[in-house]
Protein backbone atom coordinates (compact mmCIF):
# COMPACT_ATOMS: atom_id res chain seq x y z
CA MET A 1 119.06 58.16 50.96
CA SER A 2 118.22 55.29 53.29
CA LYS A 3 119.58 57.18 56.30
CA LYS A 4 117.32 60.09 55.44
CA LEU A 5 114.34 57.73 55.15
CA GLU A 6 115.21 56.11 58.49
CA ALA A 7 115.46 59.52 60.14
CA LEU A 8 112.06 60.52 58.77
CA GLN A 9 110.50 57.25 59.91
CA LYS A 10 111.96 57.76 63.38
CA LYS A 11 110.58 61.30 63.44
CA ALA A 12 107.17 60.03 62.27
CA ALA A 13 107.12 57.43 65.05
CA GLY A 14 107.90 60.13 67.61
CA ILE A 15 105.13 62.34 66.29
CA GLN A 16 102.70 59.40 66.34
CA ALA A 17 103.57 58.76 70.00
CA GLN A 18 102.89 62.44 70.80
CA ILE A 19 99.53 62.22 69.03
CA GLN A 20 98.58 59.15 71.04
CA GLN A 21 99.52 60.88 74.30
CA ALA A 22 97.49 63.96 73.35
CA GLU A 23 94.47 61.81 72.49
CA LEU A 24 94.72 59.98 75.82
CA ALA A 25 95.03 63.26 77.71
CA GLN A 26 91.96 64.65 75.94
CA LYS A 27 90.02 61.46 76.64
CA ASN A 28 90.89 61.50 80.37
CA LYS A 29 90.63 65.26 80.96
CA SER A 30 87.01 65.50 82.13
CA ARG A 31 87.30 62.42 84.35
CA THR A 32 90.48 63.78 85.93
CA GLU A 33 88.74 67.11 86.57
CA ARG A 34 85.84 65.29 88.25
CA ILE A 35 88.29 63.39 90.45
CA SER A 36 89.89 66.69 91.48
CA ILE A 37 86.50 68.11 92.46
CA LYS A 38 85.73 64.97 94.49
CA VAL A 39 89.03 65.37 96.36
CA LEU A 40 88.19 69.00 97.17
CA GLN A 41 84.77 67.93 98.43
CA LYS A 42 86.31 65.18 100.53
CA TYR A 43 88.84 67.56 102.12
CA PRO A 44 87.04 70.89 102.61
CA ASP A 45 89.84 72.15 104.88
CA LEU A 46 91.79 72.81 101.69
CA TYR A 47 89.58 75.86 101.18
CA LEU A 48 90.83 77.32 104.48
CA CYS A 49 94.55 77.34 103.76
CA ASP A 50 96.68 79.94 102.00
CA PRO A 51 96.16 79.42 98.22
CA ALA A 52 99.85 80.04 97.44
CA VAL A 53 100.95 77.41 99.97
CA LEU A 54 98.27 75.02 98.69
CA GLU A 55 99.36 75.51 95.09
CA LYS A 56 103.02 74.86 95.91
CA SER A 57 102.17 71.81 98.00
CA LEU A 58 99.84 70.40 95.34
CA ASP A 59 102.40 71.04 92.62
CA THR A 60 105.04 69.09 94.52
CA SER A 61 102.66 66.28 95.45
CA LEU A 62 101.10 65.94 92.01
CA ALA A 63 104.51 65.92 90.34
CA ALA A 64 105.50 62.97 92.52
CA ILE A 65 102.21 61.19 91.80
CA ALA A 66 102.51 61.81 88.05
CA SER A 67 106.08 60.51 88.04
CA SER A 68 105.06 57.42 89.99
CA LEU A 69 102.13 56.70 87.68
CA LYS A 70 104.28 57.24 84.58
CA ASN A 71 106.83 54.72 85.91
CA LYS A 72 104.06 52.16 86.48
CA GLN A 73 102.83 52.54 82.89
CA SER A 74 106.29 51.98 81.39
């Protein structure tokens, strides 16, 4: 029985970590959206490029940024 209890406690800890991440994401969502708008206002040339190319480029760049920021938090 103790192994079953340990497994459940481990699962509960994992779920708690997911809840904390979701709460942080919800808390930061509007501020992150405002930052995105500020970036678009700062670089209006982004409105002139091909949206598909922009999306691919942003996806690649933001993935690298997210990974870098995640590594700094750990």
